[in-house]
Amino acid sequence: MSLPTVLENRLSIPVMASPMFIASGPELVIEQCKAGVVGSFPALNARPASLLNDWLDRIESELAGTDAAPFAVNQIVHRSNNRLEEDMATIVEHQVPIVITSLGARPEINDAVHSYGGIVLHDIINNRFAHKAIEKGADGLIAVAAGAGGHAGTLSPFALVQEIRQWFDGPLALSGSIAHGRSVLAAQAAGADLAYVGSAFLATEEANVVDGYKQMIVESSADDIVYSDLFTGVHGNYLRGSIEAAGLDPRNLPAGDPSTMDFGSGGTTDAKAWKDIWGAGQGLGVVDATVPTADLVARLVREYDEARRDLLAAVPA
């Protein structure tokens, strides 16, 4: 197990912030990086496509000359993403240090990032997809286990990580219900290099979501998360309250249709049917207030350090 060179001695805690649809923008990414975690955003959040260049200019300018952590851009590598080629050209021009790929592993995307020395982390939900990603040139993996916010798998993090670690010793992040410093340490103990944290950042001042979304994160627990493929054609975790507010019964949702996946306009939530269905993971039970990003990261660091001390005291050397 090893951190990529770009991350060595750059983090206050071994955490990557996950790229969240709509919520992750320059304000959030900049504060995440300044606090010492990898900030990230989906390229499709920058709309129109020309805005991606402006966002990258702003992030690079704000972080220049600081000891901030590096940032990452997420690319949806699905055939419906008709911005992929244009966005990749912008990413290469800016030499984005870390690119996160989702919903498809393509060698030419990896080659483009490698052309300037960047690295690619590919998110997967099972060991079969993990093998495919590495075979096609990804540098590392993001294991999206049960309980992760948004598009998520169903496997236990222990099962998923141990299967990957039987054959892969490169960079590995673990996603799924991680919102406490203790869970970050647990991810490392399970075999991951980094914890991948998303939902906790939804309730930060810098997250680009409406106040009602933030408040629902604060008021909800794991029991309020519903797993469904109705909204995008891919299974994901969503807030029960937002589903009910849309007039649907969370206990009786129809099945989705994978053929309807459409990322050409920035996702499947247009003034579209499901724009107010809000994603979240099962770890939100420890989120009890809307706070600045810096305060959230400081809490994670404090909890992580306390957990390390407690574990050392409990387990003899």
Protein backbone atom coordinates (compact mmCIF):
# COMPACT_ATOMS: atom_id res chain seq x y z
CA MET A 1 0.00 0.00 0.00
CA SER A 2 1.31 3.41 -0.87
CA LEU A 3 0.16 6.96 -1.49
CA PRO A 4 0.78 8.42 -4.94
CA THR A 5 3.70 10.83 -5.02
CA VAL A 6 1.33 13.76 -5.59
CA LEU A 7 -0.20 13.11 -2.15
CA GLU A 8 2.89 12.40 -0.08
CA ASN A 9 3.18 14.81 2.87
CA ARG A 10 0.35 16.95 1.49
CA LEU A 11 -2.59 15.81 3.63
CA SER A 12 -3.71 16.70 7.15
CA ILE A 13 -5.65 13.41 7.22
CA PRO A 14 -5.81 10.60 4.62
CA VAL A 15 -9.05 11.78 3.02
CA MET A 16 -10.30 12.50 -0.47
CA ALA A 17 -13.52 14.44 -0.78
CA SER A 18 -15.81 12.79 -3.29
CA PRO A 19 -17.05 14.78 -6.30
CA MET A 20 -20.74 15.46 -5.69
CA PHE A 21 -23.21 16.37 -8.41
CA ILE A 22 -24.14 20.06 -8.18
CA ALA A 23 -22.76 20.37 -4.62
CA SER A 24 -19.04 20.39 -5.44
CA GLY A 25 -17.80 23.63 -6.96
CA PRO A 26 -14.73 25.88 -6.69
CA GLU A 27 -15.69 27.28 -3.27
CA LEU A 28 -15.92 23.84 -1.70
CA VAL A 29 -12.87 22.41 -3.49
CA ILE A 30 -10.64 25.32 -2.51
CA GLU A 31 -11.58 25.07 1.17
CA GLN A 32 -11.15 21.29 1.15
CA CYS A 33 -7.66 21.57 -0.29
CA LYS A 34 -6.67 24.38 2.07
CA ALA A 35 -7.82 22.23 5.00
CA GLY A 36 -5.56 19.41 3.87
CA VAL A 37 -7.82 16.95 2.06
CA VAL A 38 -8.11 16.29 -1.66
CA GLY A 39 -10.94 18.43 -3.00
CA SER A 40 -12.79 17.28 -6.10
CA PHE A 41 -15.67 18.16 -8.39
CA PRO A 42 -17.38 16.58 -11.42
CA ALA A 43 -16.45 18.30 -14.67
CA LEU A 44 -20.15 18.23 -15.55
CA ASN A 45 -20.90 20.56 -12.64
CA ALA A 46 -19.32 23.36 -14.66
CA ARG A 47 -22.08 24.32 -17.06
CA PRO A 48 -21.78 25.39 -19.81
CA ALA A 49 -18.63 23.47 -20.69
CA SER A 50 -16.67 26.71 -21.18
CA LEU A 51 -17.03 27.35 -17.44
CA LEU A 52 -14.70 24.43 -16.65
CA ASN A 53 -11.69 26.47 -17.75
CA ASP A 54 -12.74 29.35 -15.49
CA TRP A 55 -13.22 27.02 -12.53
CA LEU A 56 -9.78 25.50 -12.99
CA ASP A 57 -8.20 28.94 -13.33
CA ARG A 58 -9.82 30.00 -10.08
CA ILE A 59 -8.85 26.88 -8.15
CA GLU A 60 -5.26 27.01 -9.37
CA SER A 61 -4.97 30.72 -8.57
CA GLU A 62 -6.38 30.32 -5.04
CA LEU A 63 -4.12 27.36 -4.23
CA ALA A 64 -0.93 28.67 -5.85
CA GLY A 65 1.89 29.23 -3.41
CA THR A 66 0.13 27.45 -0.55
CA ASP A 67 0.78 24.09 1.06
CA ALA A 68 -2.73 22.94 0.18
CA ALA A 69 -3.58 19.42 -0.85
CA PRO A 70 -3.98 18.75 -4.60
CA PHE A 71 -7.38 18.70 -6.26
CA ALA A 72 -9.15 16.26 -8.56
CA VAL A 73 -11.68 16.44 -11.39
CA ASN A 74 -14.21 13.67 -11.97
CA GLN A 75 -15.02 12.54 -15.50
CA ILE A 76 -18.14 10.51 -16.26
CA VAL A 77 -16.83 8.14 -18.94
CA HIS A 78 -20.23 7.07 -20.21
CA ARG A 79 -21.17 7.07 -23.90
CA SER A 80 -23.91 9.64 -23.24
CA ASN A 81 -21.42 12.23 -21.96
CA ASN A 82 -21.02 14.28 -25.13
CA ARG A 83 -18.72 16.71 -23.30
CA LEU A 84 -16.06 14.13 -22.49
CA GLU A 85 -13.62 14.99 -25.27
CA GLU A 86 -13.94 18.76 -24.77
CA ASP A 87 -13.58 18.48 -21.00
CA MET A 88 -10.55 16.20 -21.35
CA ALA A 89 -8.84 18.78 -23.55
CA THR A 90 -9.36 21.38 -20.82
CA ILE A 91 -8.09 18.99 -18.14
CA VAL A 92 -4.94 18.26 -20.14
CA GLU A 93 -4.38 21.97 -20.78
CA HIS A 94 -4.50 22.65 -17.04
CA GLN A 95 -2.60 19.48 -16.14
CA VAL A 96 -5.08 18.55 -13.43
CA PRO A 97 -3.07 16.43 -10.97
CA ILE A 98 -5.74 13.78 -10.25
CA VAL A 99 -8.56 12.64 -12.50
CA ILE A 100 -11.33 10.41 -11.12
CA THR A 101 -13.11 8.34 -13.75
CA SER A 102 -16.58 6.82 -13.34
CA LEU A 103 -19.01 4.66 -15.31
CA GLY A 104 -16.45 3.40 -17.79
CA ALA A 105 -12.71 2.69 -18.03
CA ARG A 106 -11.04 3.86 -21.26
CA PRO A 107 -7.32 3.61 -22.03
CA GLU A 108 -7.28 6.83 -24.08
CA ILE A 109 -8.52 8.83 -21.08
CA ASN A 110 -5.78 7.35 -18.90
CA ASP A 111 -3.17 8.01 -21.61
CA ALA A 112 -4.23 11.65 -21.87
CA VAL A 113 -3.77 12.19 -18.12
CA HIS A 114 -0.47 10.31 -18.10
CA SER A 115 0.80 12.50 -20.95
CA TYR A 116 1.48 15.33 -18.51
CA GLY A 117 2.24 13.26 -15.41
CA GLY A 118 -1.21 13.17 -13.81
CA ILE A 119 -2.77 10.12 -12.20
CA VAL A 120 -6.13 8.43 -12.71
CA LEU A 121 -8.22 6.86 -9.96
CA HIS A 122 -11.18 4.82 -11.19
CA ASP A 123 -14.21 4.14 -9.02
CA ILE A 124 -15.55 0.58 -8.94
CA ILE A 125 -18.21 -1.40 -7.08
CA ASN A 126 -16.73 -4.90 -7.37
CA ASN A 127 -13.49 -6.78 -7.94
CA ARG A 128 -14.27 -7.57 -11.59
CA PHE A 129 -14.52 -3.89 -12.46
CA ALA A 130 -11.36 -3.23 -10.44
CA HIS A 131 -9.38 -5.67 -12.60
CA LYS A 132 -10.73 -4.03 -15.77
CA ALA A 133 -9.78 -0.55 -14.60
CA ILE A 134 -6.18 -1.47 -13.84
CA GLU A 135 -5.85 -3.52 -17.03
CA LYS A 136 -6.92 -0.42 -18.98
CA GLY A 137 -4.30 1.79 -17.34
CA ALA A 138 -5.79 3.37 -14.22
CA ASP A 139 -3.21 4.14 -11.53
CA GLY A 140 -5.46 3.45 -8.58
CA LEU A 141 -8.96 2.55 -7.46
CA ILE A 142 -11.81 3.96 -5.45
CA ALA A 143 -13.77 1.10 -3.91
CA VAL A 144 -17.37 2.26 -3.64
CA ALA A 145 -18.87 -0.03 -1.02
CA ALA A 146 -22.31 -0.35 0.54
CA GLY A 147 -23.66 2.82 2.12
CA ALA A 148 -21.89 5.32 -0.11
CA GLY A 149 -23.80 8.39 -1.23
CA GLY A 150 -25.01 8.71 -4.80
CA HIS A 151 -24.14 5.84 -7.12
CA ALA A 152 -23.01 3.01 -4.86
CA GLY A 153 -22.38 -0.70 -4.68
CA THR A 154 -23.72 -3.29 -2.27
CA LEU A 155 -20.59 -5.09 -1.08
CA SER A 156 -19.21 -4.86 2.44
CA PRO A 157 -16.12 -2.64 2.51
CA PHE A 158 -14.21 -5.44 4.23
CA ALA A 159 -15.05 -7.92 1.46
CA LEU A 160 -14.35 -5.47 -1.36
CA VAL A 161 -11.03 -4.19 -0.04
CA GLN A 162 -9.67 -7.61 0.89
CA GLU A 163 -10.44 -9.00 -2.58
CA ILE A 164 -8.71 -6.05 -4.24
CA ARG A 165 -5.69 -6.27 -1.96
CA GLN A 166 -5.13 -9.91 -2.91
CA TRP A 167 -3.74 -8.71 -6.25
CA PHE A 168 -3.38 -4.90 -6.20
CA ASP A 169 -0.97 -2.97 -3.98
CA GLY A 170 -1.38 0.44 -5.61
CA PRO A 171 -3.37 3.48 -4.44
CA LEU A 172 -6.78 2.55 -3.05
CA ALA A 173 -9.48 4.78 -1.56
CA LEU A 174 -12.52 3.41 0.22
CA SER A 175 -15.98 4.95 -0.01
CA GLY A 176 -19.06 4.11 2.03
CA SER A 177 -20.55 5.72 5.15
CA ILE A 178 -17.36 7.52 6.19
CA ALA A 179 -18.13 10.72 8.09
CA HIS A 180 -16.10 10.33 11.31
CA GLY A 181 -12.36 10.34 11.93
CA ARG A 182 -12.65 6.89 13.51
CA SER A 183 -14.01 5.58 10.20
CA VAL A 184 -11.05 7.08 8.32
CA LEU A 185 -8.71 5.07 10.52
CA ALA A 186 -10.87 1.98 10.02
CA ALA A 187 -10.57 2.37 6.24
CA GLN A 188 -6.80 2.29 6.59
CA ALA A 189 -6.94 -0.70 8.91
CA ALA A 190 -9.07 -2.52 6.34
CA GLY A 191 -6.36 -2.00 3.72
CA ALA A 192 -7.18 1.28 2.00
CA ASP A 193 -4.75 4.18 1.68
CA LEU A 194 -7.42 6.87 1.79
CA ALA A 195 -10.97 7.39 2.95
CA TYR A 196 -13.39 8.87 0.42
CA VAL A 197 -15.80 11.25 2.15
CA GLY A 198 -18.85 12.82 0.55
CA SER A 199 -22.11 13.30 2.45
CA ALA A 200 -20.56 15.10 5.42
CA PHE A 201 -19.44 17.88 3.05
CA LEU A 202 -23.02 18.44 1.89
CA ALA A 203 -23.74 20.14 5.20
CA THR A 204 -20.93 22.67 4.86
CA GLU A 205 -21.34 26.36 4.19
CA GLU A 206 -19.45 26.05 0.90
CA ALA A 207 -21.52 23.22 -0.58
CA ASN A 208 -23.56 24.43 -3.56
CA VAL A 209 -26.91 23.02 -2.47
CA VAL A 210 -30.08 24.60 -1.15
CA ASP A 211 -30.51 25.09 2.58
CA GLY A 212 -33.28 22.49 2.69
CA TYR A 213 -30.85 19.84 1.46
CA LYS A 214 -28.29 20.77 4.09
CA GLN A 215 -30.92 20.71 6.82
CA MET A 216 -32.17 17.29 5.72
CA ILE A 217 -28.61 15.97 5.95
CA VAL A 218 -28.36 17.30 9.50
CA GLU A 219 -31.72 15.84 10.54
CA SER A 220 -31.39 12.42 8.88
CA SER A 221 -29.77 9.13 9.86
CA ALA A 222 -28.83 5.88 8.13
CA ASP A 223 -32.45 4.72 8.35
CA ASP A 224 -33.42 7.62 6.08
CA ILE A 225 -31.36 6.40 3.12
CA VAL A 226 -33.09 4.64 0.22
CA TYR A 227 -31.25 2.56 -2.40
CA SER A 228 -32.82 2.78 -5.87
CA ASP A 229 -31.99 2.82 -9.58
CA LEU A 230 -35.12 4.75 -10.53
CA PHE A 231 -33.60 8.20 -10.74
CA THR A 232 -30.56 7.69 -12.99
CA GLY A 233 -30.74 4.09 -14.19
CA VAL A 234 -27.84 3.22 -11.84
CA HIS A 235 -28.39 2.15 -8.24
CA GLY A 236 -27.64 4.85 -5.71
CA ASN A 237 -28.49 6.09 -2.22
CA TYR A 238 -30.92 8.95 -1.69
CA LEU A 239 -32.61 10.83 1.14
CA ARG A 240 -36.02 9.41 1.98
CA GLY A 241 -37.40 12.86 2.77
CA SER A 242 -36.62 14.18 -0.71
CA ILE A 243 -38.29 11.17 -2.32
CA GLU A 244 -41.41 11.69 -0.24
CA ALA A 245 -41.41 15.40 -1.07
CA ALA A 246 -41.50 14.43 -4.74
CA GLY A 247 -44.75 12.56 -4.10
CA LEU A 248 -43.24 9.06 -4.25
CA ASP A 249 -43.45 6.16 -1.81
CA PRO A 250 -39.86 5.18 -0.90
CA ARG A 251 -41.06 1.67 -0.03
CA ASN A 252 -42.56 1.06 -3.49
CA LEU A 253 -40.31 2.66 -6.07
CA PRO A 254 -40.42 1.20 -9.58
CA ALA A 255 -37.26 -0.18 -11.14
CA GLY A 256 -35.14 2.14 -13.22
CA ASP A 257 -34.02 1.63 -16.80
CA PRO A 258 -30.24 1.64 -17.46
CA SER A 259 -30.90 2.65 -21.07
CA THR A 260 -32.16 6.02 -19.84
CA MET A 261 -28.78 7.06 -18.43
CA ASP A 262 -27.97 10.42 -19.97
CA PHE A 263 -25.02 12.54 -18.89
CA GLY A 264 -24.95 14.72 -21.98
CA SER A 265 -26.42 17.75 -20.25
CA GLY A 266 -24.75 17.31 -16.89
CA GLY A 267 -26.76 14.43 -15.53
CA THR A 268 -30.20 12.95 -15.60
CA THR A 269 -31.73 15.63 -13.39
CA ASP A 270 -32.86 18.31 -15.80
CA ALA A 271 -35.77 20.59 -15.09
CA LYS A 272 -36.12 16.99 -15.33
CA ALA A 273 -38.24 14.81 -13.17
CA TRP A 274 -35.80 14.15 -10.38
CA LYS A 275 -33.92 17.42 -9.82
CA ASP A 276 -35.00 17.54 -6.16
CA ILE A 277 -34.12 13.95 -5.32
CA TRP A 278 -31.10 14.36 -3.06
CA GLY A 279 -28.26 11.86 -2.79
CA ALA A 280 -26.59 10.97 0.51
CA GLY A 281 -24.77 8.07 2.16
CA GLN A 282 -25.47 6.14 5.32
CA GLY A 283 -22.76 7.88 7.36
CA LEU A 284 -24.69 11.12 7.86
CA GLY A 285 -25.88 10.21 11.37
CA VAL A 286 -22.86 12.00 12.87
CA VAL A 287 -23.54 15.23 10.95
CA ASP A 288 -25.43 17.48 13.35
CA ALA A 289 -24.87 21.02 12.05
CA THR A 290 -23.97 23.08 9.00
CA VAL A 291 -20.38 24.22 9.46
CA PRO A 292 -17.51 25.70 7.44
CA THR A 293 -15.49 23.10 5.54
CA ALA A 294 -12.41 23.94 7.59
CA ASP A 295 -14.30 23.09 10.78
CA LEU A 296 -15.50 19.75 9.40
CA VAL A 297 -11.97 18.73 8.41
CA ALA A 298 -10.65 19.86 11.80
CA ARG A 299 -13.24 17.61 13.47
CA LEU A 300 -12.20 14.66 11.32
CA VAL A 301 -8.54 15.24 12.16
CA ARG A 302 -9.29 15.47 15.87
CA GLU A 303 -11.39 12.29 15.83
CA TYR A 304 -8.79 10.47 13.75
CA ASP A 305 -5.98 11.37 16.16
CA GLU A 306 -8.09 10.34 19.15
CA ALA A 307 -8.97 7.03 17.51
CA ARG A 308 -5.30 6.30 16.81
CA ARG A 309 -4.38 6.98 20.44
CA ASP A 310 -7.26 4.86 21.74
CA LEU A 311 -6.34 1.98 19.44
CA LEU A 312 -2.69 2.07 20.47
CA ALA A 313 -3.74 2.01 24.12
CA ALA A 314 -6.15 -0.88 23.58
CA VAL A 315 -3.93 -3.08 21.41
CA PRO A 316 -0.53 -4.01 22.90
CA ALA A 317 2.43 -3.58 20.57
